[in-house]
Each structure stands twice: as structure tokens, then as C-alpha cells.
């Protein structure tokens, strides 16, 4: 697939979260010692590295959700 073209069917439920998710991606990549190209194109990064970034993003988002849910009292079903 050519640079700049995406076939991803992934979409954000809250589009305003895109910038925060990108920031999280760069922070996690830096923590893992993975260099993301300045243009943001991830196609030349090893699948293992991309998976590590995505896995850490998921782990962090789940942790954030758990903390938010734990802080709520009187939840109803």
C-alpha cells in the first residue's frame, strides 16, 4: 500500500481523542526506545515494535478506565 493511503477500518468513537492517542503513542514508543519517523508513517517499523506500542497503549487505556470506574460510587446497572 502506498504511503499516505490507509485501508484501516478502525475509527475513533470520540474523534477529539485522536491527538491524545497520538501523544500516548509517541510517549510509549520513546519509553520503549522505538524511534517513530518524523512524518508519522509507521509502515517501516517492525511488526513486533508496532505490537509492543499497541499493547502498551491498550494496557494504559484499560488501567485508566479501571481507575475511573473505581472512583465512581453508587453505580447502577
N, C-alpha and C. Protein backbone atom coordinates (compact mmCIF):
# COMPACT_ATOMS: atom_id res chain seq x y z
N UNK A 1 0.85 -1.16 0.00
CA UNK A 1 0.00 0.00 0.00
C UNK A 1 0.90 1.23 0.00
N UNK A 2 0.54 2.20 -0.77
CA UNK A 2 1.35 3.40 -0.92
C UNK A 2 1.28 4.27 0.33
N UNK A 3 2.34 5.00 0.54
CA UNK A 3 2.44 5.89 1.68
C UNK A 3 1.27 6.88 1.67
N UNK A 4 0.69 7.08 2.83
CA UNK A 4 -0.41 8.03 2.94
C UNK A 4 -1.78 7.43 2.69
N UNK A 5 -1.83 6.20 2.21
CA UNK A 5 -3.11 5.54 1.98
C UNK A 5 -3.37 4.59 3.12
N UNK A 6 -4.58 4.57 3.60
CA UNK A 6 -4.92 3.69 4.70
C UNK A 6 -6.13 2.86 4.32
N UNK A 7 -6.10 1.58 4.69
CA UNK A 7 -7.24 0.70 4.49
C UNK A 7 -7.86 0.33 5.82
N UNK A 8 -7.39 0.92 6.86
CA UNK A 8 -7.84 0.58 8.20
C UNK A 8 -9.34 0.83 8.35
N UNK A 9 -10.00 -0.13 8.97
CA UNK A 9 -11.42 0.04 9.26
C UNK A 9 -11.60 0.57 10.68
N UNK A 10 -10.49 0.85 11.35
CA UNK A 10 -10.57 1.39 12.71
C UNK A 10 -11.00 2.84 12.65
N UNK A 11 -11.88 3.22 13.58
CA UNK A 11 -12.30 4.61 13.68
C UNK A 11 -12.51 4.92 15.15
N UNK A 12 -12.38 6.17 15.47
CA UNK A 12 -12.50 6.59 16.86
C UNK A 12 -13.95 6.91 17.18
N UNK A 13 -14.43 6.42 18.31
CA UNK A 13 -15.77 6.74 18.77
C UNK A 13 -15.82 8.22 19.16
N UNK A 14 -14.72 8.70 19.73
CA UNK A 14 -14.60 10.12 20.10
C UNK A 14 -13.44 10.70 19.29
N UNK A 15 -13.74 11.27 18.11
CA UNK A 15 -12.66 11.78 17.25
C UNK A 15 -11.75 12.80 17.92
N UNK A 16 -12.25 13.51 18.92
CA UNK A 16 -11.44 14.50 19.62
C UNK A 16 -10.31 13.84 20.41
N UNK A 17 -10.34 12.53 20.58
CA UNK A 17 -9.31 11.82 21.32
C UNK A 17 -8.09 11.50 20.47
N UNK A 18 -8.15 11.76 19.18
CA UNK A 18 -7.06 11.40 18.26
C UNK A 18 -5.72 12.00 18.69
N UNK A 19 -5.72 13.27 19.06
CA UNK A 19 -4.47 13.92 19.43
C UNK A 19 -3.89 13.30 20.71
N UNK A 20 -4.74 13.00 21.68
CA UNK A 20 -4.26 12.39 22.92
C UNK A 20 -3.71 10.99 22.66
N UNK A 21 -4.35 10.23 21.78
CA UNK A 21 -3.87 8.89 21.46
C UNK A 21 -2.54 8.95 20.71
N UNK A 22 -2.40 9.91 19.81
CA UNK A 22 -1.11 10.07 19.12
C UNK A 22 -0.01 10.42 20.10
N UNK A 23 -0.31 11.31 21.04
CA UNK A 23 0.68 11.70 22.05
C UNK A 23 1.08 10.48 22.88
N UNK A 24 0.09 9.67 23.24
CA UNK A 24 0.36 8.46 24.02
C UNK A 24 1.25 7.51 23.21
N UNK A 25 0.98 7.39 21.92
CA UNK A 25 1.78 6.52 21.05
C UNK A 25 3.24 6.96 21.05
N UNK A 26 3.48 8.25 20.91
CA UNK A 26 4.85 8.75 20.89
C UNK A 26 5.54 8.58 22.24
N UNK A 27 4.80 8.81 23.33
CA UNK A 27 5.37 8.64 24.66
C UNK A 27 5.78 7.19 24.91
N UNK A 28 4.89 6.27 24.56
CA UNK A 28 5.18 4.85 24.77
C UNK A 28 6.33 4.40 23.90
N UNK A 29 6.36 4.84 22.65
CA UNK A 29 7.47 4.48 21.76
C UNK A 29 8.79 4.96 22.35
N UNK A 30 8.79 6.17 22.89
CA UNK A 30 10.01 6.72 23.49
C UNK A 30 10.42 5.89 24.70
N UNK A 31 9.45 5.51 25.54
CA UNK A 31 9.74 4.68 26.71
C UNK A 31 10.34 3.34 26.31
N UNK A 32 9.88 2.80 25.18
CA UNK A 32 10.36 1.50 24.71
C UNK A 32 11.64 1.62 23.87
N UNK A 33 12.06 2.85 23.59
CA UNK A 33 13.26 3.06 22.78
C UNK A 33 13.04 2.85 21.29
N UNK A 34 11.80 3.03 20.85
CA UNK A 34 11.46 2.85 19.43
C UNK A 34 11.36 4.22 18.79
N UNK A 35 12.09 4.41 17.70
CA UNK A 35 12.12 5.69 17.00
C UNK A 35 11.00 5.73 15.97
N UNK A 36 10.06 6.67 16.13
CA UNK A 36 8.98 6.85 15.16
C UNK A 36 9.44 7.94 14.20
N UNK A 37 9.31 7.69 12.89
CA UNK A 37 9.72 8.70 11.91
C UNK A 37 8.97 10.02 12.09
N UNK A 38 9.62 11.11 11.73
CA UNK A 38 9.04 12.45 11.90
C UNK A 38 7.72 12.60 11.14
N UNK A 39 7.59 11.90 10.00
CA UNK A 39 6.37 12.03 9.21
C UNK A 39 5.22 11.18 9.78
N UNK A 40 5.51 10.38 10.81
CA UNK A 40 4.48 9.58 11.46
C UNK A 40 4.13 8.28 10.77
N UNK A 41 4.76 8.00 9.63
CA UNK A 41 4.47 6.77 8.89
C UNK A 41 5.10 5.59 9.62
N UNK A 42 4.26 4.65 10.02
CA UNK A 42 4.72 3.52 10.83
C UNK A 42 4.99 2.27 10.00
N UNK A 43 4.86 2.35 8.68
CA UNK A 43 4.95 1.19 7.82
C UNK A 43 6.31 0.52 7.79
N UNK A 44 7.35 1.23 8.13
CA UNK A 44 8.69 0.65 8.08
C UNK A 44 9.18 0.19 9.46
N UNK A 45 8.33 0.29 10.46
CA UNK A 45 8.68 -0.18 11.79
C UNK A 45 8.31 -1.65 11.88
N UNK A 46 9.15 -2.43 12.55
CA UNK A 46 8.92 -3.87 12.67
C UNK A 46 7.57 -4.15 13.33
N UNK A 47 6.92 -5.21 12.87
CA UNK A 47 5.62 -5.59 13.42
C UNK A 47 5.70 -5.80 14.93
N UNK A 48 6.80 -6.39 15.38
CA UNK A 48 6.98 -6.63 16.81
C UNK A 48 6.97 -5.31 17.59
N UNK A 49 7.64 -4.28 17.04
CA UNK A 49 7.68 -2.98 17.71
C UNK A 49 6.30 -2.32 17.69
N UNK A 50 5.61 -2.38 16.54
CA UNK A 50 4.26 -1.82 16.47
C UNK A 50 3.34 -2.52 17.45
N UNK A 51 3.47 -3.84 17.57
CA UNK A 51 2.66 -4.59 18.51
C UNK A 51 2.95 -4.21 19.95
N UNK A 52 4.21 -3.96 20.25
CA UNK A 52 4.58 -3.54 21.61
C UNK A 52 3.97 -2.18 21.94
N UNK A 53 4.00 -1.29 20.98
CA UNK A 53 3.40 0.04 21.19
C UNK A 53 1.89 -0.11 21.40
N UNK A 54 1.23 -0.84 20.51
CA UNK A 54 -0.22 -1.02 20.62
C UNK A 54 -0.63 -1.73 21.89
N UNK A 55 0.13 -2.74 22.29
CA UNK A 55 -0.17 -3.46 23.52
C UNK A 55 -0.05 -2.58 24.75
N UNK A 56 0.96 -1.73 24.75
CA UNK A 56 1.15 -0.81 25.88
C UNK A 56 0.08 0.27 25.90
N UNK A 57 -0.36 0.72 24.72
CA UNK A 57 -1.46 1.68 24.67
C UNK A 57 -2.71 1.06 25.27
N UNK A 58 -3.01 -0.17 24.86
CA UNK A 58 -4.19 -0.87 25.38
C UNK A 58 -4.10 -1.05 26.88
N UNK A 59 -2.95 -1.48 27.36
CA UNK A 59 -2.74 -1.68 28.79
C UNK A 59 -2.99 -0.38 29.55
N UNK A 60 -2.45 0.71 29.04
CA UNK A 60 -2.59 2.00 29.71
C UNK A 60 -4.05 2.49 29.69
N UNK A 61 -4.75 2.29 28.56
CA UNK A 61 -6.15 2.72 28.47
C UNK A 61 -7.04 1.90 29.40
N UNK A 62 -6.79 0.61 29.50
CA UNK A 62 -7.56 -0.23 30.43
C UNK A 62 -7.30 0.22 31.86
N UNK A 63 -6.06 0.50 32.18
CA UNK A 63 -5.73 0.97 33.53
C UNK A 63 -6.45 2.28 33.84
N UNK A 64 -6.48 3.20 32.87
CA UNK A 64 -7.17 4.47 33.07
C UNK A 64 -8.67 4.25 33.29
N UNK A 65 -9.26 3.35 32.51
CA UNK A 65 -10.69 3.07 32.66
C UNK A 65 -10.99 2.43 34.01
N UNK A 66 -10.14 1.50 34.43
CA UNK A 66 -10.33 0.86 35.74
C UNK A 66 -10.26 1.88 36.87
N UNK A 67 -9.31 2.79 36.78
CA UNK A 67 -9.18 3.82 37.81
C UNK A 67 -10.40 4.73 37.81
N UNK A 68 -10.91 5.06 36.63
CA UNK A 68 -12.09 5.91 36.54
C UNK A 68 -13.30 5.19 37.11
N UNK A 69 -13.46 3.92 36.79
CA UNK A 69 -14.60 3.16 37.31
C UNK A 69 -14.50 2.97 38.82
N UNK A 70 -13.31 2.76 39.32
CA UNK A 70 -13.11 2.57 40.75
C UNK A 70 -13.44 3.84 41.52
N UNK A 71 -13.30 4.97 40.89
CA UNK A 71 -13.58 6.25 41.54
C UNK A 71 -15.05 6.58 41.57
N UNK A 72 -15.85 5.87 40.81
CA UNK A 72 -17.30 6.14 40.78
C UNK A 72 -17.97 5.35 41.90
N UNK A 73 -18.88 6.01 42.59
CA UNK A 73 -19.63 5.33 43.65
C UNK A 73 -21.10 5.32 43.28
N UNK A 74 -21.81 4.33 43.76
CA UNK A 74 -23.25 4.26 43.51
C UNK A 74 -23.59 3.93 42.07
N UNK A 75 -22.74 3.13 41.41
CA UNK A 75 -23.02 2.77 40.02
C UNK A 75 -24.25 1.88 39.98
N UNK A 76 -25.07 2.07 38.96
CA UNK A 76 -26.26 1.24 38.76
C UNK A 76 -26.12 0.49 37.45
N UNK A 77 -26.82 -0.58 37.35
CA UNK A 77 -26.80 -1.36 36.11
C UNK A 77 -27.87 -0.93 35.19
